[in-house]
Amino acid sequence: MGVQFHDNKAQRGILNSSLPGRFQIKNINGRRIVFDVAHNELAFSTLFRYIHRELGQSTSSNSDYRPRIHVILGMQRQKRGEENIIPFLCPRDSIRLVKLSHPRSKPPSLWESFIRAAKYRHVPVFPIADIDIAFQNTILFSQKDDLVVITGSFHTVREAWIHLSSVMRSSEVSI
């Protein structure tokens, strides 16, 4: 007495599955926003390699133009690997660091080497802020063709979703 396993049903199930917070793309106020829970070296490298290859294409008629990438990044203090984002960014892009409400949020002192590395490549890094301020400023200063990436931990994506849900209820944002 066992459970029958059908390859075609398993394949459909895998193809139709999704993991909330893992490379979710939403269009909000004309911007493509990627929510991804990447939180280590391999995950950051994979995420940004894919973004650069697949999503870094312009929707405009100028094929030489690459949309700006705005990263909203929040991490827990024990996590590393954020420097793997920097090679995929250029001076037109930006990084906004966030302080998570989680007690193990990475403190300012642990961001110092990352900030130095980004500045060395002339990638603007904005001061640490709460997720709501970082999100509002990113939307305010980004353009319609830009890409926003919210990443760094499950907590970052969760807090962004909570903020976005409250903003949507007050109808300041359209999806």
N, C-alpha and C. Protein backbone atom coordinates (compact mmCIF):
# COMPACT_ATOMS: atom_id res chain seq x y z
N MET A 1 0.85 -1.17 0.00
CA MET A 1 0.00 0.00 0.00
C MET A 1 0.90 1.24 0.00
N GLY A 2 1.19 1.76 -1.17
CA GLY A 2 2.03 2.94 -1.29
C GLY A 2 1.33 4.01 -2.11
N VAL A 3 1.94 5.13 -2.17
CA VAL A 3 1.42 6.24 -2.96
C VAL A 3 2.05 6.16 -4.34
N GLN A 4 1.19 6.22 -5.37
CA GLN A 4 1.73 6.20 -6.73
C GLN A 4 2.29 7.57 -7.07
N PHE A 5 3.42 7.53 -7.74
CA PHE A 5 4.11 8.75 -8.12
C PHE A 5 4.13 8.83 -9.64
N HIS A 6 3.55 9.87 -10.19
CA HIS A 6 3.49 10.04 -11.64
C HIS A 6 4.44 11.16 -12.05
N ASP A 7 5.36 10.83 -12.95
CA ASP A 7 6.37 11.80 -13.38
C ASP A 7 5.76 13.08 -13.93
N ASN A 8 4.72 12.97 -14.75
CA ASN A 8 4.14 14.18 -15.37
C ASN A 8 3.48 15.08 -14.31
N LYS A 9 2.87 14.50 -13.31
CA LYS A 9 2.27 15.30 -12.24
C LYS A 9 3.36 15.96 -11.40
N ALA A 10 4.41 15.23 -11.13
CA ALA A 10 5.52 15.79 -10.36
C ALA A 10 6.17 16.93 -11.13
N GLN A 11 6.36 16.76 -12.42
CA GLN A 11 6.96 17.80 -13.23
C GLN A 11 6.09 19.06 -13.25
N ARG A 12 4.77 18.89 -13.41
CA ARG A 12 3.85 20.04 -13.38
C ARG A 12 3.90 20.74 -12.03
N GLY A 13 3.95 19.95 -10.97
CA GLY A 13 4.01 20.53 -9.63
C GLY A 13 5.27 21.35 -9.42
N ILE A 14 6.38 20.83 -9.88
CA ILE A 14 7.64 21.56 -9.74
C ILE A 14 7.62 22.82 -10.59
N LEU A 15 7.15 22.73 -11.83
CA LEU A 15 7.12 23.88 -12.72
C LEU A 15 6.17 24.97 -12.23
N ASN A 16 5.12 24.59 -11.52
CA ASN A 16 4.13 25.56 -11.05
C ASN A 16 4.36 26.01 -9.61
N SER A 17 5.43 25.54 -9.01
CA SER A 17 5.67 25.90 -7.61
C SER A 17 6.37 27.25 -7.50
N SER A 18 6.25 27.85 -6.35
CA SER A 18 6.97 29.09 -6.08
C SER A 18 7.27 29.15 -4.59
N LEU A 19 8.27 29.91 -4.27
CA LEU A 19 8.66 30.10 -2.88
C LEU A 19 8.55 31.59 -2.59
N PRO A 20 7.60 31.99 -1.77
CA PRO A 20 7.46 33.42 -1.47
C PRO A 20 8.78 34.02 -1.00
N GLY A 21 9.12 35.16 -1.58
CA GLY A 21 10.35 35.83 -1.21
C GLY A 21 11.56 35.38 -1.98
N ARG A 22 11.41 34.42 -2.85
CA ARG A 22 12.53 33.97 -3.68
C ARG A 22 12.26 34.43 -5.10
N PHE A 23 12.96 35.43 -5.52
CA PHE A 23 12.88 36.04 -6.84
C PHE A 23 11.43 36.33 -7.25
N GLN A 24 10.72 37.01 -6.39
CA GLN A 24 9.38 37.48 -6.73
C GLN A 24 9.51 38.83 -7.41
N ILE A 25 8.87 38.99 -8.54
CA ILE A 25 8.92 40.26 -9.26
C ILE A 25 7.52 40.87 -9.26
N LYS A 26 7.45 42.11 -8.82
CA LYS A 26 6.19 42.87 -8.82
C LYS A 26 6.41 44.17 -9.57
N ASN A 27 5.39 44.65 -10.24
CA ASN A 27 5.42 45.98 -10.85
C ASN A 27 4.64 46.90 -9.95
N ILE A 28 5.32 47.91 -9.40
CA ILE A 28 4.71 48.85 -8.48
C ILE A 28 5.04 50.26 -8.95
N ASN A 29 4.00 51.02 -9.22
CA ASN A 29 4.17 52.39 -9.73
C ASN A 29 5.13 52.44 -10.92
N GLY A 30 4.99 51.47 -11.82
CA GLY A 30 5.80 51.44 -13.03
C GLY A 30 7.22 50.96 -12.84
N ARG A 31 7.57 50.50 -11.65
CA ARG A 31 8.91 49.99 -11.41
C ARG A 31 8.88 48.48 -11.21
N ARG A 32 9.90 47.82 -11.74
CA ARG A 32 10.03 46.38 -11.48
C ARG A 32 10.75 46.23 -10.15
N ILE A 33 10.12 45.53 -9.23
CA ILE A 33 10.71 45.32 -7.91
C ILE A 33 10.90 43.82 -7.70
N VAL A 34 12.14 43.45 -7.39
CA VAL A 34 12.49 42.06 -7.13
C VAL A 34 12.63 41.90 -5.62
N PHE A 35 11.90 40.96 -5.07
CA PHE A 35 12.01 40.59 -3.66
C PHE A 35 12.75 39.26 -3.61
N ASP A 36 13.90 39.23 -2.94
CA ASP A 36 14.64 37.97 -2.86
C ASP A 36 15.34 37.89 -1.51
N VAL A 37 15.25 36.72 -0.88
CA VAL A 37 15.77 36.52 0.46
C VAL A 37 17.25 36.14 0.49
N ALA A 38 17.99 36.40 -0.60
CA ALA A 38 19.42 36.08 -0.64
C ALA A 38 20.09 36.62 0.62
N HIS A 39 20.94 35.79 1.24
CA HIS A 39 21.57 36.21 2.49
C HIS A 39 22.96 35.61 2.70
N ASN A 40 23.57 35.13 1.62
CA ASN A 40 24.94 34.63 1.72
C ASN A 40 25.65 34.81 0.38
N GLU A 41 26.95 34.50 0.34
CA GLU A 41 27.76 34.75 -0.86
C GLU A 41 27.17 34.14 -2.12
N LEU A 42 26.87 32.86 -2.08
CA LEU A 42 26.37 32.18 -3.27
C LEU A 42 25.03 32.75 -3.72
N ALA A 43 24.14 33.00 -2.78
CA ALA A 43 22.82 33.53 -3.13
C ALA A 43 22.92 34.92 -3.74
N PHE A 44 23.77 35.79 -3.17
CA PHE A 44 23.94 37.13 -3.73
C PHE A 44 24.53 37.06 -5.14
N SER A 45 25.57 36.25 -5.32
CA SER A 45 26.20 36.13 -6.63
C SER A 45 25.21 35.62 -7.67
N THR A 46 24.46 34.59 -7.30
CA THR A 46 23.48 34.02 -8.22
C THR A 46 22.39 35.02 -8.56
N LEU A 47 21.86 35.69 -7.56
CA LEU A 47 20.79 36.67 -7.77
C LEU A 47 21.26 37.79 -8.70
N PHE A 48 22.39 38.40 -8.39
CA PHE A 48 22.81 39.55 -9.18
C PHE A 48 23.36 39.17 -10.55
N ARG A 49 23.90 37.98 -10.69
CA ARG A 49 24.30 37.50 -12.01
C ARG A 49 23.05 37.35 -12.89
N TYR A 50 22.01 36.78 -12.32
CA TYR A 50 20.76 36.61 -13.07
C TYR A 50 20.14 37.97 -13.41
N ILE A 51 20.08 38.86 -12.44
CA ILE A 51 19.52 40.19 -12.67
C ILE A 51 20.29 40.89 -13.79
N HIS A 52 21.60 40.85 -13.72
CA HIS A 52 22.43 41.52 -14.71
C HIS A 52 22.19 40.93 -16.10
N ARG A 53 22.08 39.61 -16.19
CA ARG A 53 21.93 38.92 -17.48
C ARG A 53 20.51 39.03 -18.02
N GLU A 54 19.51 38.83 -17.17
CA GLU A 54 18.13 38.71 -17.65
C GLU A 54 17.29 39.97 -17.49
N LEU A 55 17.45 40.69 -16.40
CA LEU A 55 16.59 41.83 -16.14
C LEU A 55 17.27 43.16 -16.40
N GLY A 56 18.54 43.14 -16.68
CA GLY A 56 19.28 44.37 -16.89
C GLY A 56 19.07 44.95 -18.27
N GLN A 57 18.11 44.45 -18.99
CA GLN A 57 17.83 44.95 -20.33
C GLN A 57 16.80 46.06 -20.25
N SER A 58 16.98 47.05 -21.08
CA SER A 58 16.08 48.19 -21.09
C SER A 58 14.78 47.86 -21.81
N THR A 59 13.71 48.47 -21.37
CA THR A 59 12.45 48.37 -22.11
C THR A 59 12.34 49.50 -23.11
N SER A 60 13.33 50.41 -23.13
CA SER A 60 13.32 51.52 -24.08
C SER A 60 13.93 51.08 -25.41
N SER A 61 13.86 51.94 -26.41
CA SER A 61 14.37 51.60 -27.73
C SER A 61 15.89 51.66 -27.80
N ASN A 62 16.55 52.27 -26.83
CA ASN A 62 18.00 52.38 -26.82
C ASN A 62 18.59 51.09 -26.24
N SER A 63 19.13 50.24 -27.10
CA SER A 63 19.62 48.93 -26.65
C SER A 63 20.92 49.03 -25.84
N ASP A 64 21.64 50.17 -25.92
CA ASP A 64 22.87 50.34 -25.16
C ASP A 64 22.59 50.78 -23.72
N TYR A 65 21.38 51.16 -23.45
CA TYR A 65 21.02 51.68 -22.13
C TYR A 65 20.68 50.53 -21.19
N ARG A 66 21.27 50.52 -19.99
CA ARG A 66 20.91 49.55 -18.97
C ARG A 66 20.19 50.31 -17.87
N PRO A 67 19.01 49.83 -17.47
CA PRO A 67 18.29 50.51 -16.38
C PRO A 67 19.15 50.55 -15.12
N ARG A 68 18.93 51.58 -14.31
CA ARG A 68 19.62 51.65 -13.03
C ARG A 68 19.07 50.57 -12.11
N ILE A 69 19.93 50.09 -11.23
CA ILE A 69 19.54 49.10 -10.23
C ILE A 69 19.65 49.77 -8.86
N HIS A 70 18.56 49.73 -8.12
CA HIS A 70 18.52 50.29 -6.76
C HIS A 70 18.35 49.12 -5.79
N VAL A 71 19.33 48.93 -4.92
CA VAL A 71 19.31 47.82 -3.99
C VAL A 71 18.91 48.33 -2.61
N ILE A 72 17.91 47.69 -2.02
CA ILE A 72 17.55 47.92 -0.62
C ILE A 72 18.04 46.69 0.12
N LEU A 73 19.04 46.88 0.99
CA LEU A 73 19.76 45.76 1.57
C LEU A 73 19.73 45.82 3.10
N GLY A 74 19.21 44.78 3.70
CA GLY A 74 19.22 44.63 5.15
C GLY A 74 19.65 43.22 5.50
N MET A 75 20.52 43.09 6.50
CA MET A 75 21.04 41.77 6.84
C MET A 75 21.14 41.59 8.35
N GLN A 76 21.27 40.33 8.73
CA GLN A 76 21.55 40.02 10.11
C GLN A 76 23.05 40.12 10.35
N ARG A 77 23.43 40.43 11.57
CA ARG A 77 24.83 40.70 11.90
C ARG A 77 25.77 39.54 11.57
N GLN A 78 25.33 38.31 11.65
CA GLN A 78 26.24 37.18 11.44
C GLN A 78 26.39 36.79 9.97
N LYS A 79 25.63 37.39 9.08
CA LYS A 79 25.68 37.04 7.67
C LYS A 79 26.75 37.83 6.94
N ARG A 80 27.33 37.20 5.93
CA ARG A 80 28.37 37.82 5.11
C ARG A 80 28.05 37.57 3.64
N GLY A 81 28.80 38.21 2.78
CA GLY A 81 28.67 37.96 1.35
C GLY A 81 28.11 39.14 0.57
N GLU A 82 27.72 40.20 1.25
CA GLU A 82 27.10 41.34 0.59
C GLU A 82 28.03 42.00 -0.43
N GLU A 83 29.34 41.83 -0.26
CA GLU A 83 30.27 42.43 -1.21
C GLU A 83 30.15 41.81 -2.61
N ASN A 84 29.50 40.66 -2.72
CA ASN A 84 29.29 40.02 -4.02
C ASN A 84 28.29 40.77 -4.90
N ILE A 85 27.60 41.72 -4.32
CA ILE A 85 26.66 42.55 -5.08
C ILE A 85 27.42 43.60 -5.90
N ILE A 86 28.48 44.14 -5.33
CA ILE A 86 29.15 45.33 -5.87
C ILE A 86 29.64 45.17 -7.31
N PRO A 87 30.25 44.05 -7.72
CA PRO A 87 30.72 43.96 -9.11
C PRO A 87 29.61 44.09 -10.16
N PHE A 88 28.39 43.89 -9.76
CA PHE A 88 27.27 43.96 -10.71
C PHE A 88 26.65 45.36 -10.78
N LEU A 89 27.17 46.28 -9.99
CA LEU A 89 26.62 47.63 -9.95
C LEU A 89 27.60 48.62 -10.54
N CYS A 90 27.08 49.77 -10.95
CA CYS A 90 27.92 50.83 -11.52
C CYS A 90 27.55 52.15 -10.84
N PRO A 91 28.27 53.23 -11.14
CA PRO A 91 27.98 54.51 -10.46
C PRO A 91 26.57 55.05 -10.65
N ARG A 92 25.85 54.61 -11.66
CA ARG A 92 24.46 55.06 -11.87
C ARG A 92 23.49 54.34 -10.91
N ASP A 93 23.91 53.24 -10.32
CA ASP A 93 23.06 52.44 -9.44
C ASP A 93 23.15 53.00 -8.02
N SER A 94 22.43 52.37 -7.09
CA SER A 94 22.50 52.83 -5.70
C SER A 94 22.19 51.68 -4.75
N ILE A 95 22.67 51.86 -3.51
CA ILE A 95 22.41 50.90 -2.45
C ILE A 95 21.87 51.68 -1.26
N ARG A 96 20.76 51.21 -0.70
CA ARG A 96 20.20 51.80 0.52
C ARG A 96 20.24 50.71 1.59
N LEU A 97 21.00 50.97 2.62
CA LEU A 97 21.11 50.02 3.72
C LEU A 97 19.94 50.22 4.68
N VAL A 98 19.41 49.11 5.20
CA VAL A 98 18.29 49.23 6.13
C VAL A 98 18.63 48.57 7.46
N LYS A 99 18.08 49.18 8.50
CA LYS A 99 18.15 48.60 9.84
C LYS A 99 16.86 47.83 10.03
N LEU A 100 17.00 46.55 10.24
CA LEU A 100 15.83 45.70 10.43
C LEU A 100 15.32 45.82 11.86
N SER A 101 14.05 45.51 12.04
CA SER A 101 13.50 45.54 13.40
C SER A 101 13.95 44.33 14.21
N HIS A 102 14.51 43.33 13.55
CA HIS A 102 15.00 42.13 14.20
C HIS A 102 16.20 42.48 15.09
N PRO A 103 16.29 41.89 16.29
CA PRO A 103 17.38 42.25 17.21
C PRO A 103 18.78 41.91 16.69
N ARG A 104 18.89 41.00 15.72
CA ARG A 104 20.21 40.66 15.19
C ARG A 104 20.53 41.43 13.91
N SER A 105 19.85 42.55 13.69
CA SER A 105 20.13 43.39 12.53
C SER A 105 21.59 43.84 12.53
N LYS A 106 22.20 43.88 11.35
CA LYS A 106 23.61 44.27 11.23
C LYS A 106 23.77 45.72 11.65
N PRO A 107 24.63 46.00 12.65
CA PRO A 107 24.84 47.38 13.12
C PRO A 107 25.72 48.16 12.13
N PRO A 108 25.70 49.48 12.22
CA PRO A 108 26.50 50.31 11.30
C PRO A 108 27.97 49.93 11.22
N SER A 109 28.58 49.55 12.35
CA SER A 109 30.01 49.22 12.34
C SER A 109 30.34 48.03 11.45
N LEU A 110 29.40 47.11 11.27
CA LEU A 110 29.65 45.93 10.43
C LEU A 110 29.41 46.21 8.95
N TRP A 111 28.90 47.38 8.60
CA TRP A 111 28.71 47.76 7.20
C TRP A 111 29.92 48.51 6.65
N GLU A 112 30.86 48.91 7.50
CA GLU A 112 31.93 49.82 7.08
C GLU A 112 32.74 49.31 5.90
N SER A 113 33.17 48.05 5.91
CA SER A 113 33.99 47.54 4.80
C SER A 113 33.18 47.46 3.52
N PHE A 114 31.92 47.12 3.62
CA PHE A 114 31.04 47.08 2.44
C PHE A 114 30.88 48.48 1.85
N ILE A 115 30.68 49.46 2.70
CA ILE A 115 30.51 50.84 2.24
C ILE A 115 31.79 51.31 1.55
N ARG A 116 32.95 50.99 2.13
CA ARG A 116 34.23 51.37 1.50
C ARG A 116 34.38 50.72 0.12
N ALA A 117 34.03 49.44 0.01
CA ALA A 117 34.15 48.73 -1.27
C ALA A 117 33.22 49.33 -2.32
N ALA A 118 32.01 49.68 -1.92
CA ALA A 118 31.06 50.29 -2.86
C ALA A 118 31.56 51.67 -3.29
N LYS A 119 32.03 52.44 -2.34
CA LYS A 119 32.54 53.78 -2.69
C LYS A 119 33.76 53.69 -3.59
N TYR A 120 34.59 52.68 -3.40
CA TYR A 120 35.76 52.48 -4.25
C TYR A 120 35.33 52.31 -5.71
N ARG A 121 34.19 51.66 -5.91
CA ARG A 121 33.65 51.47 -7.27
C ARG A 121 32.69 52.59 -7.66
N HIS A 122 32.60 53.61 -6.83
CA HIS A 122 31.76 54.79 -7.08
C HIS A 122 30.27 54.46 -7.12
N VAL A 123 29.87 53.45 -6.37
CA VAL A 123 28.45 53.11 -6.25
C VAL A 123 27.92 53.82 -5.02
N PRO A 124 26.94 54.71 -5.18
CA PRO A 124 26.40 55.44 -4.03
C PRO A 124 25.75 54.51 -2.99
N VAL A 125 26.10 54.73 -1.74
CA VAL A 125 25.49 54.00 -0.62
C VAL A 125 24.83 55.04 0.27
N PHE A 126 23.54 54.86 0.51
CA PHE A 126 22.80 55.79 1.35
C PHE A 126 22.80 55.30 2.78
N PRO A 127 22.74 56.22 3.73
CA PRO A 127 22.82 55.85 5.15
C PRO A 127 21.74 54.86 5.57
N ILE A 128 22.06 54.18 6.64
CA ILE A 128 21.13 53.18 7.19
C ILE A 128 19.84 53.86 7.62
N ALA A 129 18.73 53.26 7.22
CA ALA A 129 17.40 53.79 7.55
C ALA A 129 16.45 52.62 7.79
N ASP A 130 15.27 52.92 8.28
CA ASP A 130 14.23 51.91 8.39
C ASP A 130 13.75 51.56 6.99
N ILE A 131 13.15 50.38 6.84
CA ILE A 131 12.73 49.90 5.53
C ILE A 131 11.73 50.84 4.86
N ASP A 132 10.82 51.43 5.64
CA ASP A 132 9.82 52.31 5.03
C ASP A 132 10.46 53.55 4.41
N ILE A 133 11.44 54.12 5.08
CA ILE A 133 12.13 55.30 4.55
C ILE A 133 12.96 54.92 3.33
N ALA A 134 13.67 53.81 3.41
CA ALA A 134 14.48 53.35 2.28
C ALA A 134 13.60 53.08 1.06
N PHE A 135 12.46 52.44 1.27
CA PHE A 135 11.55 52.13 0.16
C PHE A 135 10.99 53.41 -0.45
N GLN A 136 10.50 54.32 0.40
CA GLN A 136 9.93 55.58 -0.11
C GLN A 136 10.96 56.38 -0.90
N ASN A 137 12.19 56.49 -0.38
CA ASN A 137 13.22 57.24 -1.09
C ASN A 137 13.62 56.56 -2.39
N THR A 138 13.65 55.25 -2.40
CA THR A 138 13.99 54.53 -3.63
C THR A 138 12.95 54.79 -4.69
N ILE A 139 11.68 54.70 -4.34
CA ILE A 139 10.60 54.95 -5.31
C ILE A 139 10.64 56.41 -5.76
N LEU A 140 10.88 57.31 -4.84
CA LEU A 140 10.92 58.73 -5.15
C LEU A 140 12.04 59.07 -6.13
N PHE A 141 13.22 58.48 -5.95
CA PHE A 141 14.38 58.84 -6.76
C PHE A 141 14.64 57.90 -7.94
N SER A 142 13.82 56.88 -8.10
CA SER A 142 14.01 55.98 -9.24
C SER A 142 13.12 56.43 -10.39
N GLN A 143 13.42 55.90 -11.56
CA GLN A 143 12.65 56.20 -12.75
C GLN A 143 11.87 54.97 -13.17
N LYS A 144 10.94 55.17 -14.09
CA LYS A 144 10.03 54.09 -14.49
C LYS A 144 10.75 52.86 -15.04
N ASP A 145 11.89 53.02 -15.68
CA ASP A 145 12.58 51.88 -16.28
C ASP A 145 13.56 51.20 -15.33
N ASP A 146 13.72 51.75 -14.12
CA ASP A 146 14.70 51.23 -13.17
C ASP A 146 14.23 49.92 -12.53
N LEU A 147 15.19 49.22 -11.95
CA LEU A 147 14.92 47.97 -11.26
C LEU A 147 15.25 48.16 -9.78
N VAL A 148 14.34 47.77 -8.90
CA VAL A 148 14.55 47.84 -7.46
C VAL A 148 14.69 46.42 -6.94
N VAL A 149 15.74 46.17 -6.17
CA VAL A 149 15.98 44.83 -5.61
C VAL A 149 15.98 44.95 -4.09
N ILE A 150 15.06 44.23 -3.45
CA ILE A 150 14.98 44.21 -1.99
C ILE A 150 15.49 42.85 -1.55
N THR A 151 16.60 42.85 -0.78
CA THR A 151 17.26 41.58 -0.48
C THR A 151 18.08 41.66 0.80
N GLY A 152 18.68 40.56 1.18
CA GLY A 152 19.60 40.51 2.31
C GLY A 152 19.19 39.53 3.40
N SER A 153 17.90 39.26 3.50
CA SER A 153 17.44 38.28 4.49
C SER A 153 15.93 38.09 4.37
N PHE A 154 15.45 37.05 5.03
CA PHE A 154 14.01 36.84 5.11
C PHE A 154 13.35 38.01 5.81
N HIS A 155 14.04 38.55 6.82
CA HIS A 155 13.50 39.67 7.58
C HIS A 155 13.35 40.91 6.70
N THR A 156 14.32 41.16 5.83
CA THR A 156 14.25 42.32 4.95
C THR A 156 13.03 42.24 4.04
N VAL A 157 12.86 41.09 3.40
CA VAL A 157 11.72 40.90 2.49
C VAL A 157 10.41 40.98 3.27
N ARG A 158 10.35 40.36 4.43
CA ARG A 158 9.13 40.40 5.25
C ARG A 158 8.77 41.83 5.64
N GLU A 159 9.76 42.59 6.12
CA GLU A 159 9.48 43.97 6.52
C GLU A 159 9.08 44.83 5.32
N ALA A 160 9.68 44.58 4.18
CA ALA A 160 9.29 45.31 2.97
C ALA A 160 7.85 44.99 2.58
N TRP A 161 7.48 43.70 2.67
CA TRP A 161 6.10 43.31 2.35
C TRP A 161 5.11 43.96 3.31
N ILE A 162 5.45 43.98 4.59
CA ILE A 162 4.56 44.60 5.59
C ILE A 162 4.40 46.08 5.27
N HIS A 163 5.50 46.76 4.99
CA HIS A 163 5.42 48.18 4.65
C HIS A 163 4.60 48.38 3.37
N LEU A 164 4.89 47.60 2.37
CA LEU A 164 4.19 47.73 1.10
C LEU A 164 2.69 47.47 1.26
N SER A 165 2.33 46.49 2.06
CA SER A 165 0.91 46.20 2.31
C SER A 165 0.21 47.37 2.97
N SER A 166 0.87 48.01 3.94
CA SER A 166 0.24 49.15 4.61
C SER A 166 0.11 50.33 3.67
N VAL A 167 1.10 50.54 2.81
CA VAL A 167 1.03 51.63 1.84
C VAL A 167 -0.07 51.37 0.82
N MET A 168 -0.20 50.12 0.40
CA MET A 168 -1.24 49.78 -0.59
C MET A 168 -2.63 49.97 0.00
N ARG A 169 -2.79 49.67 1.27
CA ARG A 169 -4.10 49.87 1.90
C ARG A 169 -4.48 51.35 1.92
N SER A 170 -3.46 52.21 2.03
CA SER A 170 -3.75 53.65 2.03
C SER A 170 -3.76 54.19 0.61
N SER A 171 -3.65 53.30 -0.37
CA SER A 171 -3.74 53.57 -1.82
C SER A 171 -2.74 54.63 -2.32
N GLU A 172 -1.55 54.65 -1.73
CA GLU A 172 -0.49 55.52 -2.25
C GLU A 172 0.29 54.83 -3.36
N VAL A 173 0.14 53.52 -3.48
CA VAL A 173 0.89 52.75 -4.46
C VAL A 173 -0.08 51.93 -5.29
N SER A 174 0.20 51.82 -6.58
CA SER A 174 -0.63 50.96 -7.43
C SER A 174 0.21 49.84 -7.99
N ILE A 175 -0.37 48.67 -8.04
CA ILE A 175 0.34 47.50 -8.60
C ILE A 175 -0.26 47.19 -9.95
